[in-house]
PDB file of all heavy atoms in Angstrom:
ATOM      1  N   GLU A   1      43.240 130.324  24.842  1.00  0.00           N
ATOM      2  CA  GLU A   1      42.131 131.075  25.536  1.00  0.00           C
ATOM      3  C   GLU A   1      42.498 131.515  26.931  1.00  0.00           C
ATOM      4  O   GLU A   1      43.455 130.966  27.517  1.00  0.00           O
ATOM      5  CB  GLU A   1      40.847 130.137  25.635  1.00  0.00           C
ATOM      6  CG  GLU A   1      40.927 129.014  26.662  1.00  0.00           C
ATOM      7  CD  GLU A   1      39.722 128.159  26.786  1.00  0.00           C
ATOM      8  OE1 GLU A   1      38.705 128.370  26.112  1.00  0.00           O
ATOM      9  OE2 GLU A   1      39.871 127.095  27.419  1.00  0.00           O
ATOM     10  N   ALA A   2      41.773 132.437  27.472  1.00  0.00           N
ATOM     11  CA  ALA A   2      41.945 132.957  28.796  1.00  0.00           C
ATOM     12  C   ALA A   2      40.689 132.564  29.521  1.00  0.00           C
ATOM     13  O   ALA A   2      39.570 132.698  28.999  1.00  0.00           O
ATOM     14  CB  ALA A   2      42.138 134.446  28.804  1.00  0.00           C
ATOM     15  N   ALA A   3      40.770 132.123  30.794  1.00  0.00           N
ATOM     16  CA  ALA A   3      39.653 131.860  31.557  1.00  0.00           C
ATOM     17  C   ALA A   3      39.521 132.914  32.712  1.00  0.00           C
ATOM     18  O   ALA A   3      40.514 133.322  33.288  1.00  0.00           O
ATOM     19  CB  ALA A   3      39.869 130.459  32.269  1.00  0.00           C
ATOM     20  N   VAL A   4      38.344 133.271  32.972  1.00  0.00           N
ATOM     21  CA  VAL A   4      37.992 134.270  33.923  1.00  0.00           C
ATOM     22  C   VAL A   4      37.077 133.714  35.066  1.00  0.00           C
ATOM     23  O   VAL A   4      36.089 133.007  34.595  1.00  0.00           O
ATOM     24  CB  VAL A   4      37.296 135.589  33.310  1.00  0.00           C
ATOM     25  CG1 VAL A   4      36.930 136.436  34.468  1.00  0.00           C
ATOM     26  CG2 VAL A   4      38.195 136.157  32.299  1.00  0.00           C
ATOM     27  N   THR A   5      37.426 133.838  36.197  1.00  0.00           N
ATOM     28  CA  THR A   5      36.525 133.302  37.315  1.00  0.00           C
ATOM     29  C   THR A   5      36.045 134.398  38.079  1.00  0.00           C
ATOM     30  O   THR A   5      36.753 135.434  38.467  1.00  0.00           O
ATOM     31  CB  THR A   5      37.404 132.392  38.180  1.00  0.00           C
ATOM     32  OG1 THR A   5      37.932 131.343  37.503  1.00  0.00           O
ATOM     33  CG2 THR A   5      36.499 131.817  39.351  1.00  0.00           C
ATOM     34  N   CYS A   6      34.702 134.451  38.290  1.00  0.00           N
ATOM     35  CA  CYS A   6      34.033 135.477  39.085  1.00  0.00           C
ATOM     36  C   CYS A   6      33.374 134.794  40.256  1.00  0.00           C
ATOM     37  O   CYS A   6      32.831 133.688  40.116  1.00  0.00           O
ATOM     38  CB  CYS A   6      33.058 136.139  38.279  1.00  0.00           C
ATOM     39  SG  CYS A   6      33.710 137.105  36.965  1.00  0.00           S
ATOM     40  N   ALA A   7      33.342 135.419  41.378  1.00  0.00           N
ATOM     41  CA  ALA A   7      32.625 134.930  42.566  1.00  0.00           C
ATOM     42  C   ALA A   7      32.030 136.042  43.301  1.00  0.00           C
ATOM     43  O   ALA A   7      32.596 137.203  43.358  1.00  0.00           O
ATOM     44  CB  ALA A   7      33.595 134.251  43.477  1.00  0.00           C
ATOM     45  N   HIS A   8      30.800 135.834  43.838  1.00  0.00           N
ATOM     46  CA  HIS A   8      30.102 136.888  44.587  1.00  0.00           C
ATOM     47  C   HIS A   8      29.616 136.036  45.875  1.00  0.00           C
ATOM     48  O   HIS A   8      28.836 135.211  45.758  1.00  0.00           O
ATOM     49  CB  HIS A   8      28.899 137.441  43.813  1.00  0.00           C
ATOM     50  CG  HIS A   8      28.228 138.461  44.573  1.00  0.00           C
ATOM     51  ND1 HIS A   8      28.754 139.746  44.883  1.00  0.00           N
ATOM     52  CD2 HIS A   8      27.087 138.504  45.075  1.00  0.00           C
ATOM     53  CE1 HIS A   8      27.946 140.426  45.452  1.00  0.00           C
ATOM     54  NE2 HIS A   8      26.835 139.722  45.668  1.00  0.00           N
ATOM     55  N   GLU A   9      30.177 136.455  46.901  1.00  0.00           N
ATOM     56  CA  GLU A   9      29.974 135.706  48.139  1.00  0.00           C
ATOM     57  C   GLU A   9      29.010 136.261  49.245  1.00  0.00           C
ATOM     58  O   GLU A   9      29.237 136.108  50.469  1.00  0.00           O
ATOM     59  CB  GLU A   9      31.343 135.409  48.806  1.00  0.00           C
ATOM     60  CG  GLU A   9      32.188 134.556  47.801  1.00  0.00           C
ATOM     61  CD  GLU A   9      33.605 134.324  48.458  1.00  0.00           C
ATOM     62  OE1 GLU A   9      33.772 134.512  49.658  1.00  0.00           O
ATOM     63  OE2 GLU A   9      34.421 133.668  47.695  1.00  0.00           O
ATOM     64  N   THR A  10      28.019 137.000  48.788  1.00  0.00           N
ATOM     65  CA  THR A  10      26.975 137.465  49.613  1.00  0.00           C
ATOM     66  C   THR A  10      25.634 137.101  49.148  1.00  0.00           C
ATOM     67  O   THR A  10      25.445 136.740  47.946  1.00  0.00           O
ATOM     68  CB  THR A  10      27.056 138.975  49.851  1.00  0.00           C
ATOM     69  OG1 THR A  10      26.659 139.606  48.652  1.00  0.00           O
ATOM     70  CG2 THR A  10      28.393 139.425  50.293  1.00  0.00           C
ATOM     71  N   ALA A  11      24.589 137.297  49.931  1.00  0.00           N
ATOM     72  CA  ALA A  11      23.263 136.839  49.468  1.00  0.00           C
ATOM     73  C   ALA A  11      22.673 137.984  48.655  1.00  0.00           C
ATOM     74  O   ALA A  11      21.739 137.730  47.861  1.00  0.00           O
ATOM     75  CB  ALA A  11      22.364 136.630  50.784  1.00  0.00           C
ATOM     76  N   GLU A  12      23.125 139.168  48.629  1.00  0.00           N
ATOM     77  CA  GLU A  12      22.593 140.242  47.930  1.00  0.00           C
ATOM     78  C   GLU A  12      23.325 140.301  46.509  1.00  0.00           C
ATOM     79  O   GLU A  12      24.401 139.949  46.344  1.00  0.00           O
ATOM     80  CB  GLU A  12      22.972 141.601  48.594  1.00  0.00           C
ATOM     81  CG  GLU A  12      22.322 141.693  49.948  1.00  0.00           C
ATOM     82  CD  GLU A  12      22.705 143.081  50.717  1.00  0.00           C
ATOM     83  OE1 GLU A  12      23.130 143.979  49.948  1.00  0.00           O
ATOM     84  OE2 GLU A  12      22.680 143.005  51.889  1.00  0.00           O
ATOM     85  N   LEU A  13      22.473 140.737  45.489  1.00  0.00           N
ATOM     86  CA  LEU A  13      23.006 140.919  44.180  1.00  0.00           C
ATOM     87  C   LEU A  13      23.926 142.178  44.142  1.00  0.00           C
ATOM     88  O   LEU A  13      23.618 143.115  44.839  1.00  0.00           O
ATOM     89  CB  LEU A  13      21.866 141.245  43.233  1.00  0.00           C
ATOM     90  CG  LEU A  13      21.156 140.018  42.750  1.00  0.00           C
ATOM     91  CD1 LEU A  13      19.931 140.431  41.825  1.00  0.00           C
ATOM     92  CD2 LEU A  13      22.017 139.088  41.914  1.00  0.00           C
ATOM     93  N   PRO A  14      24.908 142.193  43.394  1.00  0.00           N
ATOM     94  CA  PRO A  14      25.748 143.330  43.246  1.00  0.00           C
ATOM     95  C   PRO A  14      24.964 144.388  42.495  1.00  0.00           C
ATOM     96  O   PRO A  14      23.917 144.090  41.906  1.00  0.00           O
ATOM     97  CB  PRO A  14      26.963 142.839  42.391  1.00  0.00           C
ATOM     98  CG  PRO A  14      26.393 141.673  41.635  1.00  0.00           C
ATOM     99  CD  PRO A  14      25.415 140.995  42.502  1.00  0.00           C
ATOM    100  N   PRO A  15      25.307 145.672  42.583  1.00  0.00           N
ATOM    101  CA  PRO A  15      24.586 146.738  41.905  1.00  0.00           C
ATOM    102  C   PRO A  15      24.549 146.463  40.406  1.00  0.00           C
ATOM    103  O   PRO A  15      25.571 146.101  39.791  1.00  0.00           O
ATOM    104  CB  PRO A  15      25.361 147.990  42.209  1.00  0.00           C
ATOM    105  CG  PRO A  15      26.250 147.639  43.310  1.00  0.00           C
ATOM    106  CD  PRO A  15      26.555 146.196  43.261  1.00  0.00           C
ATOM    107  N   LEU A  16      23.369 146.623  39.800  1.00  0.00           N
ATOM    108  CA  LEU A  16      23.213 146.295  38.353  1.00  0.00           C
ATOM    109  C   LEU A  16      22.839 147.616  37.629  1.00  0.00           C
ATOM    110  O   LEU A  16      22.238 148.525  38.151  1.00  0.00           O
ATOM    111  CB  LEU A  16      21.997 145.309  38.150  1.00  0.00           C
ATOM    112  CG  LEU A  16      22.096 143.946  38.719  1.00  0.00           C
ATOM    113  CD1 LEU A  16      20.863 143.156  38.514  1.00  0.00           C
ATOM    114  CD2 LEU A  16      23.353 143.230  38.172  1.00  0.00           C
ATOM    115  N   LEU A  17      23.369 147.657  36.459  1.00  0.00           N
ATOM    116  CA  LEU A  17      23.115 148.718  35.523  1.00  0.00           C
ATOM    117  C   LEU A  17      21.509 148.535  35.116  1.00  0.00           C
ATOM    118  O   LEU A  17      21.105 147.432  35.081  1.00  0.00           O
ATOM    119  CB  LEU A  17      23.913 148.765  34.269  1.00  0.00           C
ATOM    120  CG  LEU A  17      25.431 149.024  34.583  1.00  0.00           C
ATOM    121  CD1 LEU A  17      26.213 148.748  33.217  1.00  0.00           C
ATOM    122  CD2 LEU A  17      25.658 150.383  35.116  1.00  0.00           C
ATOM    123  N   PRO A  18      20.839 149.673  34.659  1.00  0.00           N
ATOM    124  CA  PRO A  18      19.426 149.484  34.272  1.00  0.00           C
ATOM    125  C   PRO A  18      19.211 148.400  33.182  1.00  0.00           C
ATOM    126  O   PRO A  18      18.312 147.570  33.262  1.00  0.00           O
ATOM    127  CB  PRO A  18      19.141 150.881  33.803  1.00  0.00           C
ATOM    128  CG  PRO A  18      20.031 151.765  34.505  1.00  0.00           C
ATOM    129  CD  PRO A  18      21.288 150.996  34.713  1.00  0.00           C
ATOM    130  N   LYS A  19      20.153 148.389  32.163  1.00  0.00           N
ATOM    131  CA  LYS A  19      20.005 147.351  31.123  1.00  0.00           C
ATOM    132  C   LYS A  19      20.173 145.929  31.722  1.00  0.00           C
ATOM    133  O   LYS A  19      19.450 144.972  31.396  1.00  0.00           O
ATOM    134  CB  LYS A  19      21.142 147.495  30.144  1.00  0.00           C
ATOM    135  CG  LYS A  19      20.701 147.993  28.881  1.00  0.00           C
ATOM    136  CD  LYS A  19      21.914 147.949  27.888  1.00  0.00           C
ATOM    137  CE  LYS A  19      21.637 148.866  26.617  1.00  0.00           C
ATOM    138  NZ  LYS A  19      22.687 149.019  25.778  1.00  0.00           N
ATOM    139  N   GLN A  20      21.108 145.691  32.684  1.00  0.00           N
ATOM    140  CA  GLN A  20      21.300 144.416  33.237  1.00  0.00           C
ATOM    141  C   GLN A  20      20.028 144.008  34.085  1.00  0.00           C
ATOM    142  O   GLN A  20      19.543 142.836  34.068  1.00  0.00           O
ATOM    143  CB  GLN A  20      22.564 144.478  34.160  1.00  0.00           C
ATOM    144  CG  GLN A  20      23.874 144.561  33.427  1.00  0.00           C
ATOM    145  CD  GLN A  20      24.978 144.911  34.421  1.00  0.00           C
ATOM    146  OE1 GLN A  20      24.900 145.712  35.332  1.00  0.00           O
ATOM    147  NE2 GLN A  20      26.170 144.230  34.154  1.00  0.00           N
ATOM    148  N   ARG A  21      19.509 144.990  34.760  1.00  0.00           N
ATOM    149  CA  ARG A  21      18.337 144.682  35.660  1.00  0.00           C
ATOM    150  C   ARG A  21      17.195 144.273  34.751  1.00  0.00           C
ATOM    151  O   ARG A  21      16.430 143.323  35.073  1.00  0.00           O
ATOM    152  CB  ARG A  21      17.944 145.869  36.550  1.00  0.00           C
ATOM    153  CG  ARG A  21      16.722 145.565  37.471  1.00  0.00           C
ATOM    154  CD  ARG A  21      16.597 146.599  38.555  1.00  0.00           C
ATOM    155  NE  ARG A  21      17.727 146.682  39.447  1.00  0.00           N
ATOM    156  CZ  ARG A  21      18.183 145.745  40.305  1.00  0.00           C
ATOM    157  NH1 ARG A  21      17.427 144.583  40.498  1.00  0.00           N
ATOM    158  NH2 ARG A  21      19.287 145.940  41.123  1.00  0.00           N
ATOM    159  N   ARG A  22      17.009 145.027  33.630  1.00  0.00           N
ATOM    160  CA  ARG A  22      15.837 144.616  32.771  1.00  0.00           C
ATOM    161  C   ARG A  22      16.027 143.271  32.156  1.00  0.00           C
ATOM    162  O   ARG A  22      15.025 142.435  32.041  1.00  0.00           O
ATOM    163  CB  ARG A  22      15.785 145.649  31.624  1.00  0.00           C
ATOM    164  CG  ARG A  22      15.047 146.922  31.935  1.00  0.00           C
ATOM    165  CD  ARG A  22      14.649 147.741  30.670  1.00  0.00           C
ATOM    166  NE  ARG A  22      15.721 147.997  29.770  1.00  0.00           N
ATOM    167  CZ  ARG A  22      16.657 148.989  29.815  1.00  0.00           C
ATOM    168  NH1 ARG A  22      16.581 149.887  30.908  1.00  0.00           N
ATOM    169  NH2 ARG A  22      17.576 149.103  28.919  1.00  0.00           N
ATOM    170  N   LEU A  23      17.297 142.906  31.733  1.00  0.00           N
ATOM    171  CA  LEU A  23      17.499 141.598  31.260  1.00  0.00           C
ATOM    172  C   LEU A  23      17.270 140.546  32.321  1.00  0.00           C
ATOM    173  O   LEU A  23      16.604 139.466  32.087  1.00  0.00           O
ATOM    174  CB  LEU A  23      18.974 141.486  30.881  1.00  0.00           C
ATOM    175  CG  LEU A  23      19.406 140.085  30.216  1.00  0.00           C
ATOM    176  CD1 LEU A  23      18.707 139.683  29.034  1.00  0.00           C
ATOM    177  CD2 LEU A  23      20.948 140.037  30.012  1.00  0.00           C
ATOM    178  N   LEU A  24      17.695 140.760  33.575  1.00  0.00           N
ATOM    179  CA  LEU A  24      17.527 139.750  34.641  1.00  0.00           C
ATOM    180  C   LEU A  24      16.008 139.635  34.960  1.00  0.00           C
ATOM    181  O   LEU A  24      15.587 138.502  35.121  1.00  0.00           O
ATOM    182  CB  LEU A  24      18.185 140.330  35.905  1.00  0.00           C
ATOM    183  CG  LEU A  24      18.154 139.397  37.091  1.00  0.00           C
ATOM    184  CD1 LEU A  24      18.834 137.997  36.839  1.00  0.00           C
ATOM    185  CD2 LEU A  24      18.837 140.099  38.271  1.00  0.00           C
ATOM    186  N   GLU A  25      15.247 140.727  34.879  1.00  0.00           N
ATOM    187  CA  GLU A  25      13.862 140.641  35.259  1.00  0.00           C
ATOM    188  C   GLU A  25      13.039 140.052  34.094  1.00  0.00           C
ATOM    189  O   GLU A  25      11.913 139.515  34.277  1.00  0.00           O
ATOM    190  CB  GLU A  25      13.266 142.042  35.519  1.00  0.00           C
ATOM    191  CG  GLU A  25      13.826 142.549  36.856  1.00  0.00           C
ATOM    192  CD  GLU A  25      13.585 144.068  37.094  1.00  0.00           C
ATOM    193  OE1 GLU A  25      13.049 144.667  36.232  1.00  0.00           O
ATOM    194  OE2 GLU A  25      13.865 144.504  38.251  1.00  0.00           O
ATOM    195  N   SER A  26      13.571 139.974  32.879  1.00  0.00           N
ATOM    196  CA  SER A  26      12.822 139.447  31.733  1.00  0.00           C
ATOM    197  C   SER A  26      13.044 137.877  31.589  1.00  0.00           C
ATOM    198  O   SER A  26      12.424 137.313  30.853  1.00  0.00           O
ATOM    199  CB  SER A  26      13.196 140.054  30.452  1.00  0.00           C
ATOM    200  OG  SER A  26      14.608 139.659  30.111  1.00  0.00           O
ATOM    201  N   CYS A  27      13.983 137.398  32.381  1.00  0.00           N
ATOM    202  CA  CYS A  27      14.305 135.948  32.360  1.00  0.00           C
ATOM    203  C   CYS A  27      13.831 135.215  33.590  1.00  0.00           C
ATOM    204  O   CYS A  27      13.691 135.789  34.700  1.00  0.00           O
ATOM    205  CB  CYS A  27      15.828 135.770  32.252  1.00  0.00           C
ATOM    206  SG  CYS A  27      16.472 136.325  30.689  1.00  0.00           S
ATOM    207  N   SER A  28      13.621 133.953  33.483  1.00  0.00           N
ATOM    208  CA  SER A  28      13.409 133.131  34.672  1.00  0.00           C
ATOM    209  C   SER A  28      14.295 131.896  34.492  1.00  0.00           C
ATOM    210  O   SER A  28      14.730 131.524  33.501  1.00  0.00           O
ATOM    211  CB  SER A  28      11.933 132.650  34.768  1.00  0.00           C
ATOM    212  OG  SER A  28      11.523 131.964  33.614  1.00  0.00           O
ATOM    213  N   CYS A  29      14.491 131.182  35.622  1.00  0.00           N
ATOM    214  CA  CYS A  29      15.278 130.016  35.678  1.00  0.00           C
ATOM    215  C   CYS A  29      14.436 128.867  36.228  1.00  0.00           C
ATOM    216  O   CYS A  29      13.706 128.960  37.207  1.00  0.00           O
ATOM    217  CB  CYS A  29      16.488 130.240  36.580  1.00  0.00           C
ATOM    218  SG  CYS A  29      17.496 131.572  36.040  1.00  0.00           S
ATOM    219  N   VAL A  30      14.536 127.792  35.527  1.00  0.00           N
ATOM    220  CA  VAL A  30      13.737 126.543  35.828  1.00  0.00           C
ATOM    221  C   VAL A  30      14.686 125.344  35.946  1.00  0.00           C
ATOM    222  O   VAL A  30      15.436 125.188  34.942  1.00  0.00           O
ATOM    223  CB  VAL A  30      12.610 126.290  34.825  1.00  0.00           C
ATOM    224  CG1 VAL A  30      11.813 125.081  35.103  1.00  0.00           C
ATOM    225  CG2 VAL A  30      11.713 127.519  34.659  1.00  0.00           C
TER     226      VAL A  30
END
């Protein structure tokens, strides 16, 4: 297997595609 590490080090979300934004907005985290 290959492992991929991603990091985003600002308070703002990176730009999202419309599909990604809809998915994000349809979910909640508890």
